[in-house]
Each structure stands twice: as C-alpha cells, then as structure tokens.
Amino acid sequence: MEINFILLDAARMHGDIHGARELNPDHSCLYEGDSERFLSAVAPWLFSMVPGSPFAQWITERGTAQNWGVFLTCREDPVKLYKHLRNFLIVKGEDGHEVYFRYYDPRVLRIFLPTCEREQLREFFGPIGTFAAEGTDGFVVEFSLNEPGELRVHETGLSLGEYLDPQASSIPSETRAPTAAKPKKDWDFGY
C-alpha cells in the first residue's frame, strides 16, 4: 500500500511538530487564519509522506507508540485532499454545539470509523483510499472501503517502522513488532 500523506496531531507531539516541519517542508496546517495563528501548536498538520525517507524514519524513531497521527493514501490533487480534510474539523455534538473533531488522533479514528453507516463512510473517506494508524498492540491497522461502501479493517501485522520502510531490515529491533506476536482481531478497536 502506497502511503502519500500523514496527518500529524501537534497536540500529541509536545513540540515535535517543529522538528517535523523543519525536516519536511511539504506541509500545511489544517487550521487557517486566526485559528492557525493561535492554535498551530495543537493543530492538525498535513505532510507529504515518502516511505523509507529520512522524514519517515524520523516519524518511526520519535513517534512510535505516541499516537501522533494517521496515514492516508490519496490519488487526488493535494489541494482537494486538504479541503476535504478541513470539512471534518468541526462537527455538531449531540447537544447541537460545535466541537473540534480530532479524527486525526488514531485513538479517535479507530473508534469512530466502525460506528459509521455506509453513507457517512463514503462522505468521510471522499478522495481518500486508505486511512492507517498504529493500533494498541503496536501493529498498523488499515481502514478502507470495499465496493459496496462498507468498512474494511485490515490488521497489517507490521510495526510502524516496518510499515513506513519497505527495507524494514534497517529498522532498529526496538521499533519492530515482535515476530511471535499475533495481530489483534479486526473487530477490537479499544484504546
């Protein structure tokens, strides 16, 4: 699966967003205007992603088991993807008040997607082919839609380092998933 983008959550990164921005200049804050100016340190940031790149290695070294963000595949124009992702930043809660929706936090995404109906999934995925995030067991979980528009959940059995680097043998052993470990069942989405 080709990874094109990572959506990083600056709030989870405790200042490491600055290092990410320096290492990979191909990024955009999803907040705009005053929101970006005042909240960029806790905002979601969309970055291009090239597996095996120094940026991908940095994400592996610094971000493993930190719930820094989610990976995306998208064949559409990056501007279209950016606009699509902005559509879900603020949603109405059950009480009718608007709230920030932190779908770019893997812990939220893993819980949210299985609760959606087909039409909600189609709208949320839009131009996105696959979402991927680290699971609670350290293996990367992929989310995509099948032909009828139902959610497909695939436990890859790969650690973040193995997922982001096709030449995983160069990843330090402490960032690899244990080879004897069994992946979690596809239906277990707990924190």
N, C-alpha and C. Protein backbone atom coordinates (compact mmCIF):
# COMPACT_ATOMS: atom_id res chain seq x y z
N MET A 1 0.85 -1.18 0.00
CA MET A 1 0.00 0.00 0.00
C MET A 1 0.89 1.23 0.00
N GLU A 2 0.70 2.08 -0.96
CA GLU A 2 1.49 3.29 -1.05
C GLU A 2 0.94 4.36 -0.12
N ILE A 3 1.80 4.91 0.71
CA ILE A 3 1.41 5.97 1.64
C ILE A 3 1.79 7.29 1.00
N ASN A 4 0.85 8.21 0.94
CA ASN A 4 1.12 9.51 0.35
C ASN A 4 1.26 10.63 1.37
N PHE A 5 0.51 10.53 2.46
CA PHE A 5 0.42 11.63 3.41
C PHE A 5 0.37 11.11 4.84
N ILE A 6 0.73 11.99 5.74
CA ILE A 6 0.50 11.76 7.16
C ILE A 6 -0.16 13.01 7.71
N LEU A 7 -1.17 12.83 8.53
CA LEU A 7 -1.86 13.92 9.19
C LEU A 7 -1.44 13.88 10.65
N LEU A 8 -0.55 14.80 11.02
CA LEU A 8 0.02 14.81 12.36
C LEU A 8 -0.78 15.71 13.30
N ASP A 9 -0.91 15.28 14.52
CA ASP A 9 -1.62 15.99 15.57
C ASP A 9 -0.60 16.70 16.45
N ALA A 10 -0.41 18.00 16.25
CA ALA A 10 0.59 18.75 17.01
C ALA A 10 0.33 18.68 18.51
N ALA A 11 -0.92 18.57 18.92
CA ALA A 11 -1.23 18.49 20.35
C ALA A 11 -0.63 17.25 21.00
N ARG A 12 -0.49 16.16 20.24
CA ARG A 12 0.07 14.92 20.77
C ARG A 12 1.60 14.91 20.71
N MET A 13 2.18 15.84 19.94
CA MET A 13 3.61 15.78 19.66
C MET A 13 4.47 16.56 20.65
N HIS A 14 3.86 17.31 21.53
CA HIS A 14 4.60 18.02 22.58
C HIS A 14 5.81 18.79 22.04
N GLY A 15 5.58 19.59 21.01
CA GLY A 15 6.65 20.42 20.45
C GLY A 15 7.40 19.79 19.30
N ASP A 16 7.28 18.50 19.09
CA ASP A 16 7.99 17.85 17.98
C ASP A 16 7.44 18.24 16.62
N ILE A 17 6.30 18.93 16.57
CA ILE A 17 5.78 19.39 15.29
C ILE A 17 6.77 20.33 14.61
N HIS A 18 7.54 21.08 15.41
CA HIS A 18 8.54 21.99 14.85
C HIS A 18 9.64 21.22 14.12
N GLY A 19 10.07 20.11 14.71
CA GLY A 19 11.06 19.25 14.06
C GLY A 19 10.52 18.65 12.78
N ALA A 20 9.25 18.23 12.81
CA ALA A 20 8.63 17.66 11.62
C ALA A 20 8.57 18.69 10.50
N ARG A 21 8.20 19.92 10.85
CA ARG A 21 8.09 20.98 9.85
C ARG A 21 9.46 21.35 9.27
N GLU A 22 10.50 21.28 10.09
CA GLU A 22 11.85 21.57 9.59
C GLU A 22 12.35 20.45 8.68
N LEU A 23 12.06 19.21 9.05
CA LEU A 23 12.54 18.06 8.30
C LEU A 23 11.79 17.87 6.97
N ASN A 24 10.51 18.22 6.95
CA ASN A 24 9.69 18.04 5.75
C ASN A 24 8.96 19.35 5.45
N PRO A 25 9.49 20.13 4.52
CA PRO A 25 8.86 21.42 4.22
C PRO A 25 7.54 21.31 3.45
N ASP A 26 7.17 20.12 3.01
CA ASP A 26 5.92 19.92 2.27
C ASP A 26 4.79 19.63 3.25
N HIS A 27 4.24 20.68 3.87
CA HIS A 27 3.20 20.53 4.88
C HIS A 27 2.26 21.74 4.87
N SER A 28 1.09 21.53 5.45
CA SER A 28 0.11 22.61 5.60
C SER A 28 -0.68 22.37 6.88
N CYS A 29 -0.93 23.45 7.60
CA CYS A 29 -1.79 23.38 8.78
C CYS A 29 -3.24 23.34 8.31
N LEU A 30 -4.05 22.45 8.89
CA LEU A 30 -5.45 22.39 8.50
C LEU A 30 -6.26 23.55 9.07
N TYR A 31 -5.75 24.20 10.11
CA TYR A 31 -6.39 25.40 10.61
C TYR A 31 -5.94 26.57 9.75
N GLU A 32 -6.81 27.52 9.55
CA GLU A 32 -6.48 28.69 8.74
C GLU A 32 -6.79 29.97 9.53
N GLY A 33 -6.21 31.08 9.08
CA GLY A 33 -6.49 32.38 9.67
C GLY A 33 -6.10 32.47 11.13
N ASP A 34 -6.98 33.05 11.94
CA ASP A 34 -6.71 33.21 13.37
C ASP A 34 -6.54 31.87 14.07
N SER A 35 -7.29 30.87 13.63
CA SER A 35 -7.15 29.54 14.24
C SER A 35 -5.74 29.02 14.08
N GLU A 36 -5.17 29.18 12.88
CA GLU A 36 -3.79 28.73 12.67
C GLU A 36 -2.83 29.58 13.51
N ARG A 37 -3.04 30.87 13.49
CA ARG A 37 -2.13 31.77 14.22
C ARG A 37 -2.10 31.46 15.71
N PHE A 38 -3.26 31.20 16.30
CA PHE A 38 -3.32 30.99 17.75
C PHE A 38 -3.25 29.53 18.18
N LEU A 39 -3.59 28.61 17.28
CA LEU A 39 -3.69 27.20 17.68
C LEU A 39 -2.76 26.26 16.92
N SER A 40 -1.81 26.80 16.17
CA SER A 40 -0.96 25.93 15.34
C SER A 40 -0.17 24.91 16.16
N ALA A 41 0.12 25.22 17.41
CA ALA A 41 0.88 24.30 18.26
C ALA A 41 0.07 23.08 18.67
N VAL A 42 -1.25 23.13 18.46
CA VAL A 42 -2.10 21.98 18.80
C VAL A 42 -2.97 21.56 17.61
N ALA A 43 -2.64 22.06 16.44
CA ALA A 43 -3.46 21.84 15.24
C ALA A 43 -3.07 20.56 14.50
N PRO A 44 -3.93 20.09 13.59
CA PRO A 44 -3.55 19.01 12.69
C PRO A 44 -2.76 19.59 11.51
N TRP A 45 -1.72 18.88 11.10
CA TRP A 45 -0.84 19.29 10.01
C TRP A 45 -0.77 18.16 8.99
N LEU A 46 -1.00 18.49 7.73
CA LEU A 46 -0.92 17.52 6.64
C LEU A 46 0.47 17.60 6.01
N PHE A 47 1.16 16.46 5.97
CA PHE A 47 2.51 16.36 5.40
C PHE A 47 2.51 15.35 4.27
N SER A 48 3.33 15.59 3.26
CA SER A 48 3.58 14.55 2.27
C SER A 48 4.39 13.46 2.97
N MET A 49 4.29 12.25 2.46
CA MET A 49 4.99 11.13 3.10
C MET A 49 5.59 10.23 2.03
N VAL A 50 6.88 9.98 2.15
CA VAL A 50 7.56 9.06 1.26
C VAL A 50 8.13 7.94 2.13
N PRO A 51 7.59 6.71 2.02
CA PRO A 51 8.12 5.61 2.81
C PRO A 51 9.62 5.44 2.61
N GLY A 52 10.33 5.18 3.70
CA GLY A 52 11.77 4.99 3.65
C GLY A 52 12.57 6.27 3.64
N SER A 53 11.91 7.43 3.58
CA SER A 53 12.61 8.72 3.56
C SER A 53 13.14 9.06 4.96
N PRO A 54 14.05 10.03 5.06
CA PRO A 54 14.50 10.47 6.38
C PRO A 54 13.33 10.94 7.26
N PHE A 55 12.32 11.57 6.65
CA PHE A 55 11.15 12.00 7.42
C PHE A 55 10.40 10.80 7.98
N ALA A 56 10.21 9.76 7.16
CA ALA A 56 9.54 8.54 7.63
C ALA A 56 10.34 7.88 8.75
N GLN A 57 11.65 7.86 8.63
CA GLN A 57 12.49 7.30 9.69
C GLN A 57 12.38 8.12 10.97
N TRP A 58 12.33 9.44 10.82
CA TRP A 58 12.17 10.31 11.99
C TRP A 58 10.83 10.05 12.69
N ILE A 59 9.77 9.90 11.89
CA ILE A 59 8.45 9.58 12.46
C ILE A 59 8.52 8.27 13.22
N THR A 60 9.19 7.27 12.65
CA THR A 60 9.33 5.97 13.32
C THR A 60 10.09 6.11 14.62
N GLU A 61 11.23 6.78 14.58
CA GLU A 61 12.07 6.92 15.77
C GLU A 61 11.40 7.71 16.89
N ARG A 62 10.73 8.79 16.54
CA ARG A 62 10.16 9.69 17.54
C ARG A 62 8.70 9.37 17.86
N GLY A 63 7.95 8.84 16.88
CA GLY A 63 6.51 8.75 17.04
C GLY A 63 5.93 7.38 17.32
N THR A 64 6.75 6.34 17.33
CA THR A 64 6.22 5.00 17.59
C THR A 64 5.54 4.96 18.95
N ALA A 65 4.32 4.43 18.98
CA ALA A 65 3.50 4.27 20.19
C ALA A 65 3.13 5.61 20.84
N GLN A 66 3.15 6.70 20.07
CA GLN A 66 2.82 8.03 20.61
C GLN A 66 1.48 8.56 20.10
N ASN A 67 0.83 7.87 19.17
CA ASN A 67 -0.44 8.32 18.60
C ASN A 67 -0.34 9.72 18.02
N TRP A 68 0.70 9.92 17.24
CA TRP A 68 0.95 11.23 16.64
C TRP A 68 0.00 11.57 15.50
N GLY A 69 -0.54 10.59 14.81
CA GLY A 69 -1.40 10.91 13.68
C GLY A 69 -1.77 9.70 12.87
N VAL A 70 -2.35 9.97 11.70
CA VAL A 70 -2.82 8.90 10.82
C VAL A 70 -2.22 9.08 9.42
N PHE A 71 -2.09 7.98 8.73
CA PHE A 71 -1.54 7.95 7.38
C PHE A 71 -2.69 7.88 6.39
N LEU A 72 -2.49 8.45 5.22
CA LEU A 72 -3.54 8.49 4.21
C LEU A 72 -2.96 8.13 2.85
N THR A 73 -3.77 7.49 2.04
CA THR A 73 -3.45 7.36 0.62
C THR A 73 -4.51 8.14 -0.13
N CYS A 74 -4.08 8.89 -1.12
CA CYS A 74 -5.00 9.69 -1.91
C CYS A 74 -4.35 9.95 -3.26
N ARG A 75 -5.09 9.68 -4.32
CA ARG A 75 -4.57 9.91 -5.67
C ARG A 75 -5.03 11.25 -6.23
N GLU A 76 -5.83 11.97 -5.48
CA GLU A 76 -6.33 13.27 -5.92
C GLU A 76 -5.28 14.35 -5.68
N ASP A 77 -5.54 15.51 -6.22
CA ASP A 77 -4.71 16.68 -6.02
C ASP A 77 -4.62 16.97 -4.51
N PRO A 78 -3.43 17.27 -3.99
CA PRO A 78 -3.29 17.56 -2.56
C PRO A 78 -4.18 18.70 -2.06
N VAL A 79 -4.48 19.66 -2.92
CA VAL A 79 -5.37 20.76 -2.51
C VAL A 79 -6.78 20.23 -2.26
N LYS A 80 -7.22 19.31 -3.10
CA LYS A 80 -8.54 18.69 -2.91
C LYS A 80 -8.56 17.89 -1.61
N LEU A 81 -7.50 17.16 -1.32
CA LEU A 81 -7.41 16.41 -0.08
C LEU A 81 -7.44 17.35 1.11
N TYR A 82 -6.66 18.41 1.06
CA TYR A 82 -6.61 19.41 2.13
C TYR A 82 -8.01 19.97 2.42
N LYS A 83 -8.72 20.36 1.38
CA LYS A 83 -10.07 20.91 1.56
C LYS A 83 -11.02 19.87 2.13
N HIS A 84 -10.88 18.64 1.66
CA HIS A 84 -11.74 17.55 2.18
C HIS A 84 -11.50 17.35 3.67
N LEU A 85 -10.25 17.28 4.08
CA LEU A 85 -9.94 17.04 5.50
C LEU A 85 -10.44 18.18 6.39
N ARG A 86 -10.41 19.40 5.88
CA ARG A 86 -10.91 20.55 6.65
C ARG A 86 -12.41 20.45 6.94
N ASN A 87 -13.15 19.75 6.09
CA ASN A 87 -14.60 19.64 6.28
C ASN A 87 -14.99 18.98 7.60
N PHE A 88 -14.09 18.23 8.21
CA PHE A 88 -14.44 17.45 9.39
C PHE A 88 -13.81 17.96 10.68
N LEU A 89 -13.19 19.13 10.62
CA LEU A 89 -12.52 19.67 11.81
C LEU A 89 -13.50 20.07 12.91
N ILE A 90 -14.64 20.57 12.52
CA ILE A 90 -15.65 21.00 13.49
C ILE A 90 -16.96 20.31 13.14
N VAL A 91 -17.57 19.67 14.13
CA VAL A 91 -18.84 18.98 13.94
C VAL A 91 -19.80 19.41 15.05
N LYS A 92 -21.07 19.14 14.84
CA LYS A 92 -22.06 19.43 15.88
C LYS A 92 -22.17 18.23 16.81
N GLY A 93 -22.09 18.51 18.10
CA GLY A 93 -22.25 17.47 19.10
C GLY A 93 -23.71 17.12 19.28
N GLU A 94 -23.98 16.15 20.13
CA GLU A 94 -25.36 15.73 20.39
C GLU A 94 -26.21 16.86 20.94
N ASP A 95 -25.57 17.80 21.63
CA ASP A 95 -26.31 18.93 22.19
C ASP A 95 -26.48 20.08 21.20
N GLY A 96 -26.00 19.91 19.96
CA GLY A 96 -26.13 20.93 18.94
C GLY A 96 -25.00 21.94 18.90
N HIS A 97 -24.10 21.90 19.87
CA HIS A 97 -22.97 22.83 19.90
C HIS A 97 -21.84 22.30 19.02
N GLU A 98 -21.12 23.23 18.40
CA GLU A 98 -19.99 22.84 17.57
C GLU A 98 -18.79 22.49 18.44
N VAL A 99 -18.10 21.41 18.05
CA VAL A 99 -16.91 20.95 18.78
C VAL A 99 -15.83 20.57 17.77
N TYR A 100 -14.59 20.66 18.19
CA TYR A 100 -13.50 20.17 17.36
C TYR A 100 -13.56 18.65 17.32
N PHE A 101 -13.40 18.08 16.14
CA PHE A 101 -13.42 16.63 15.96
C PHE A 101 -11.99 16.19 15.65
N ARG A 102 -11.39 15.49 16.58
CA ARG A 102 -9.98 15.10 16.49
C ARG A 102 -9.82 13.74 15.81
N TYR A 103 -10.40 13.60 14.63
CA TYR A 103 -10.34 12.34 13.89
C TYR A 103 -8.93 11.95 13.51
N TYR A 104 -8.00 12.88 13.52
CA TYR A 104 -6.61 12.63 13.15
C TYR A 104 -5.82 12.03 14.31
N ASP A 105 -6.46 11.86 15.46
CA ASP A 105 -5.87 11.12 16.57
C ASP A 105 -6.21 9.65 16.33
N PRO A 106 -5.22 8.77 16.19
CA PRO A 106 -5.51 7.36 15.89
C PRO A 106 -6.48 6.71 16.88
N ARG A 107 -6.43 7.12 18.14
CA ARG A 107 -7.32 6.54 19.14
C ARG A 107 -8.77 6.90 18.84
N VAL A 108 -9.01 8.08 18.29
CA VAL A 108 -10.36 8.50 17.92
C VAL A 108 -10.78 7.82 16.63
N LEU A 109 -9.91 7.82 15.63
CA LEU A 109 -10.24 7.23 14.33
C LEU A 109 -10.60 5.75 14.46
N ARG A 110 -9.84 5.01 15.27
CA ARG A 110 -10.10 3.56 15.43
C ARG A 110 -11.47 3.30 16.04
N ILE A 111 -11.96 4.21 16.86
CA ILE A 111 -13.28 4.04 17.47
C ILE A 111 -14.37 4.57 16.55
N PHE A 112 -14.11 5.70 15.91
CA PHE A 112 -15.12 6.38 15.09
C PHE A 112 -15.54 5.59 13.85
N LEU A 113 -14.58 5.15 13.05
CA LEU A 113 -14.91 4.55 11.75
C LEU A 113 -15.88 3.36 11.86
N PRO A 114 -15.69 2.43 12.80
CA PRO A 114 -16.63 1.30 12.87
C PRO A 114 -18.06 1.68 13.28
N THR A 115 -18.26 2.90 13.76
CA THR A 115 -19.61 3.32 14.16
C THR A 115 -20.39 3.95 13.01
N CYS A 116 -19.71 4.21 11.90
CA CYS A 116 -20.32 4.93 10.78
C CYS A 116 -21.16 4.01 9.89
N GLU A 117 -22.21 4.60 9.33
CA GLU A 117 -23.01 3.91 8.32
C GLU A 117 -22.36 4.14 6.96
N ARG A 118 -22.80 3.40 5.95
CA ARG A 118 -22.17 3.46 4.63
C ARG A 118 -22.07 4.89 4.08
N GLU A 119 -23.16 5.64 4.13
CA GLU A 119 -23.14 6.98 3.56
C GLU A 119 -22.16 7.89 4.33
N GLN A 120 -22.12 7.74 5.63
CA GLN A 120 -21.15 8.51 6.43
C GLN A 120 -19.72 8.14 6.05
N LEU A 121 -19.48 6.85 5.85
CA LEU A 121 -18.15 6.40 5.46
C LEU A 121 -17.75 6.97 4.11
N ARG A 122 -18.66 6.91 3.15
CA ARG A 122 -18.36 7.45 1.81
C ARG A 122 -18.02 8.93 1.89
N GLU A 123 -18.79 9.66 2.69
CA GLU A 123 -18.54 11.10 2.84
C GLU A 123 -17.21 11.35 3.53
N PHE A 124 -16.93 10.60 4.59
CA PHE A 124 -15.71 10.80 5.35
C PHE A 124 -14.47 10.42 4.53
N PHE A 125 -14.52 9.31 3.83
CA PHE A 125 -13.39 8.89 3.02
C PHE A 125 -13.20 9.81 1.82
N GLY A 126 -14.28 10.18 1.14
CA GLY A 126 -14.16 11.06 -0.02
C GLY A 126 -13.06 10.59 -0.96
N PRO A 127 -12.02 11.43 -1.20
CA PRO A 127 -10.95 11.05 -2.12
C PRO A 127 -9.88 10.14 -1.50
N ILE A 128 -10.04 9.80 -0.24
CA ILE A 128 -9.04 9.01 0.48
C ILE A 128 -9.26 7.52 0.21
N GLY A 129 -8.20 6.84 -0.19
CA GLY A 129 -8.28 5.41 -0.44
C GLY A 129 -8.16 4.60 0.84
N THR A 130 -7.21 4.98 1.69
CA THR A 130 -6.94 4.24 2.91
C THR A 130 -6.52 5.19 4.03
N PHE A 131 -7.03 4.94 5.21
CA PHE A 131 -6.50 5.52 6.44
C PHE A 131 -5.69 4.41 7.10
N ALA A 132 -4.61 4.76 7.76
CA ALA A 132 -3.84 3.77 8.52
C ALA A 132 -3.34 4.42 9.79
N ALA A 133 -3.27 3.62 10.85
CA ALA A 133 -2.81 4.13 12.14
C ALA A 133 -2.26 2.98 12.96
N GLU A 134 -1.39 3.32 13.89
CA GLU A 134 -0.91 2.32 14.82
C GLU A 134 -2.05 1.86 15.70
N GLY A 135 -2.14 0.56 15.91
CA GLY A 135 -3.14 0.01 16.82
C GLY A 135 -2.59 -0.03 18.24
N THR A 136 -3.42 -0.45 19.16
CA THR A 136 -3.00 -0.52 20.56
C THR A 136 -1.93 -1.58 20.80
N ASP A 137 -1.82 -2.54 19.88
CA ASP A 137 -0.85 -3.61 20.04
C ASP A 137 0.47 -3.33 19.32
N GLY A 138 0.59 -2.12 18.73
CA GLY A 138 1.82 -1.76 18.03
C GLY A 138 1.83 -2.08 16.56
N PHE A 139 0.82 -2.81 16.08
CA PHE A 139 0.72 -3.11 14.66
C PHE A 139 -0.12 -2.04 13.96
N VAL A 140 0.20 -1.75 12.72
CA VAL A 140 -0.54 -0.77 11.95
C VAL A 140 -1.84 -1.39 11.44
N VAL A 141 -2.94 -0.64 11.59
CA VAL A 141 -4.25 -1.05 11.13
C VAL A 141 -4.64 -0.17 9.94
N GLU A 142 -5.12 -0.78 8.87
CA GLU A 142 -5.58 -0.03 7.70
C GLU A 142 -7.11 -0.07 7.63
N PHE A 143 -7.68 1.06 7.24
CA PHE A 143 -9.12 1.20 7.06
C PHE A 143 -9.38 1.64 5.62
N SER A 144 -10.24 0.93 4.94
CA SER A 144 -10.62 1.30 3.57
C SER A 144 -12.08 0.90 3.37
N LEU A 145 -12.61 1.25 2.20
CA LEU A 145 -13.98 0.88 1.88
C LEU A 145 -13.97 -0.18 0.79
N ASN A 146 -14.84 -1.19 0.93
CA ASN A 146 -14.98 -2.17 -0.13
C ASN A 146 -15.96 -1.63 -1.18
N GLU A 147 -16.23 -2.40 -2.22
CA GLU A 147 -17.07 -1.93 -3.32
C GLU A 147 -18.46 -1.47 -2.88
N PRO A 148 -19.14 -2.20 -1.98
CA PRO A 148 -20.46 -1.70 -1.56
C PRO A 148 -20.39 -0.50 -0.60
N GLY A 149 -19.19 -0.09 -0.24
CA GLY A 149 -19.05 1.07 0.66
C GLY A 149 -19.01 0.70 2.12
N GLU A 150 -18.73 -0.55 2.42
CA GLU A 150 -18.61 -0.99 3.82
C GLU A 150 -17.16 -0.86 4.27
N LEU A 151 -16.98 -0.66 5.56
CA LEU A 151 -15.65 -0.51 6.11
C LEU A 151 -14.89 -1.83 6.08
N ARG A 152 -13.67 -1.76 5.59
CA ARG A 152 -12.77 -2.91 5.59
C ARG A 152 -11.64 -2.56 6.56
N VAL A 153 -11.41 -3.42 7.54
CA VAL A 153 -10.36 -3.22 8.53
C VAL A 153 -9.34 -4.32 8.35
N HIS A 154 -8.08 -3.91 8.18
CA HIS A 154 -7.02 -4.88 7.94
C HIS A 154 -5.89 -4.65 8.94
N GLU A 155 -5.65 -5.63 9.78
CA GLU A 155 -4.50 -5.60 10.70
C GLU A 155 -3.30 -6.06 9.90
N THR A 156 -2.34 -5.18 9.68
CA THR A 156 -1.22 -5.48 8.78
C THR A 156 -0.21 -6.46 9.36
N GLY A 157 -0.11 -6.51 10.69
CA GLY A 157 0.94 -7.32 11.31
C GLY A 157 2.30 -6.65 11.25
N LEU A 158 2.34 -5.39 10.83
CA LEU A 158 3.60 -4.65 10.71
C LEU A 158 3.70 -3.57 11.77
N SER A 159 4.87 -3.41 12.33
CA SER A 159 5.10 -2.28 13.24
C SER A 159 5.13 -1.00 12.41
N LEU A 160 5.11 0.13 13.06
CA LEU A 160 5.18 1.40 12.35
C LEU A 160 6.44 1.49 11.50
N GLY A 161 7.58 1.08 12.05
CA GLY A 161 8.83 1.12 11.31
C GLY A 161 8.80 0.24 10.08
N GLU A 162 8.24 -0.95 10.21
CA GLU A 162 8.13 -1.86 9.06
C GLU A 162 7.16 -1.32 8.02
N TYR A 163 6.12 -0.68 8.47
CA TYR A 163 5.11 -0.13 7.57
C TYR A 163 5.65 1.05 6.77
N LEU A 164 6.46 1.87 7.43
CA LEU A 164 6.97 3.08 6.78
C LEU A 164 8.27 2.87 6.01
N ASP A 165 8.88 1.72 6.16
CA ASP A 165 10.13 1.48 5.46
C ASP A 165 10.09 0.13 4.77
N PRO A 166 9.99 0.13 3.44
CA PRO A 166 9.95 -1.13 2.71
C PRO A 166 11.20 -1.99 2.95
N GLN A 167 12.29 -1.36 3.34
CA GLN A 167 13.52 -2.08 3.66
C GLN A 167 13.62 -2.21 5.18
N ALA A 168 12.61 -2.81 5.81
CA ALA A 168 12.48 -2.85 7.27
C ALA A 168 13.67 -3.47 7.98
N SER A 169 14.47 -4.22 7.30
CA SER A 169 15.62 -4.83 7.97
C SER A 169 16.57 -3.77 8.52
N SER A 170 16.48 -2.52 8.01
CA SER A 170 17.35 -1.46 8.52
C SER A 170 16.78 -0.76 9.73
N ILE A 171 15.54 -1.12 10.12
CA ILE A 171 14.91 -0.50 11.29
C ILE A 171 15.47 -1.15 12.55
N PRO A 172 15.85 -0.35 13.55
CA PRO A 172 16.35 -0.93 14.80
C PRO A 172 15.32 -1.89 15.41
N SER A 173 15.81 -2.95 16.02
CA SER A 173 14.93 -4.01 16.52
C SER A 173 13.93 -3.50 17.55
N GLU A 174 14.25 -2.47 18.32
CA GLU A 174 13.31 -1.99 19.33
C GLU A 174 12.08 -1.32 18.72
N THR A 175 12.11 -0.96 17.43
CA THR A 175 10.94 -0.36 16.80
C THR A 175 10.15 -1.37 15.98
N ARG A 176 10.61 -2.61 15.90
CA ARG A 176 9.89 -3.65 15.16
C ARG A 176 8.88 -4.33 16.06
N ALA A 177 7.81 -4.80 15.45
CA ALA A 177 6.84 -5.61 16.17
C ALA A 177 7.47 -6.97 16.44
N PRO A 178 7.18 -7.58 17.58
CA PRO A 178 7.72 -8.90 17.86
C PRO A 178 7.22 -9.90 16.82
N THR A 179 8.11 -10.74 16.32
CA THR A 179 7.73 -11.66 15.26
C THR A 179 6.78 -12.75 15.75
N ALA A 180 6.83 -13.11 17.01
CA ALA A 180 5.97 -14.17 17.51
C ALA A 180 4.59 -13.64 17.92
N ALA A 181 4.42 -12.34 17.99
CA ALA A 181 3.14 -11.78 18.42
C ALA A 181 2.09 -11.99 17.34
N LYS A 182 0.86 -12.22 17.78
CA LYS A 182 -0.23 -12.39 16.84
C LYS A 182 -1.00 -11.08 16.77
N PRO A 183 -1.42 -10.69 15.57
CA PRO A 183 -2.20 -9.46 15.44
C PRO A 183 -3.53 -9.58 16.16
N LYS A 184 -4.03 -8.44 16.61
CA LYS A 184 -5.34 -8.39 17.23
C LYS A 184 -6.42 -8.69 16.20
N LYS A 185 -7.55 -9.13 16.66
CA LYS A 185 -8.67 -9.36 15.76
C LYS A 185 -9.12 -8.04 15.15
N ASP A 186 -9.64 -8.10 13.93
CA ASP A 186 -10.06 -6.90 13.21
C ASP A 186 -11.16 -6.12 13.92
N TRP A 187 -11.91 -6.73 14.80
CA TRP A 187 -13.03 -6.05 15.42
C TRP A 187 -12.69 -5.39 16.74
N ASP A 188 -11.49 -5.53 17.24
CA ASP A 188 -11.11 -4.97 18.55
C ASP A 188 -10.49 -3.60 18.36
N PHE A 189 -11.24 -2.52 18.69
CA PHE A 189 -10.78 -1.17 18.43
C PHE A 189 -10.50 -0.39 19.71
N GLY A 190 -10.33 -1.02 20.83
CA GLY A 190 -10.16 -0.31 22.09
C GLY A 190 -8.89 0.51 22.15
N TYR A 191 -8.90 1.49 23.04
CA TYR A 191 -7.71 2.33 23.27
C TYR A 191 -6.63 1.42 23.80
